[in-house]
């Protein structure tokens, strides 16, 4: 388990906060230096107080700037003390504009890698990519693959692809583990999540249909795998990989090796929320095209048009290296759908869980 000074981006995000908690709990000698945007400082300070303020240092900065917006003296101290780095910060919005995605996802990653390359004691960079660097590929995608002539469904995918290229180019100097999670949902035990986006748009459609006493539509392709994983599985995998020296230099798919289909995800959610199943089908291509209209978007819970394409994309992710090197088993969706729905039901009208626009 990492000891010494751990540099961290993506705190106090939902995944980041849980990883920091795990790092501190597992190693009493570890200290965390978290790079935080000034606008996130208050939230970061609250999270720090809840965890262990004596062992977490908040560094106000900007990932998109060379030198990360830090003072030269702070950078020099990090270069001499950092033993591990966790890079989770990114723009995850599927509708993100290209210039913003490039600035944060690509240039920000390059700036973190540059810092790591200049460190004298660095043992490992843990970089969180995404399974969707595979872009529009179909069939089976393997962990060792990256550049396969693929196109991309949105700027999030393309810039995460560019960022992973950058990370891989520096692996000869910066020992790195790359993690590619699928679509992350709430905790498999409590259902807790930070925002109701991604698959939660399905729940918004189900809830709207239930309130209006109208049939629930099925709009996922019947045979397209829809790969979702609970946040605790991703966090446990990140923490386990830190203990496993063999994961250095590896790329690991943190996905469900036996994903349910988009149709089955919506069916399971409808059963758990409304105690009934979808009763008619709308082809995903029709939904995607018609979502240019604001009224249609509203009917689908405000989902961005870009998200619908994931319901009609036939791709599977091989997990042989992750299964060989990491102990966590990804729970099946039906094993945790009830807590996911229960948490949504308890908070669906809370504006604090509304997705970012």
Foldseek 3Di string as FASTA:
>chain_A
DDAWEEEEEPPPPPLRLLLVLVVCVVDVRHAYEYEDAPVCVVVRVVSCVVRPVVRYHYFHFALLDQVRRHDPVVLVVCLETHAEYEYDDADPDQADDQVRRCSCLASSLLNVLVSQLSHDRYDEYEYEFAPCLVAQDAEEDEQVDRDDPHDHLGSNSVSSSNSVVSVLVCCVRHFYFYEHEYAEFAALVQLDDQAQAQCSLLVVLLVVCLVVVHAREQAFDQQAFQKYFYSVLVSLLVVLVVVFSVSTPGYFYSIQQDGHASRVVSQLLNCLQPVDGGDYYDYLVVLLVVVVDVVSCVSSVVHDSSSSVSRVRHYGYDGVPSVVRHPDHTDYCNSRSNSSNVVCVVCVPPCSRHDDD
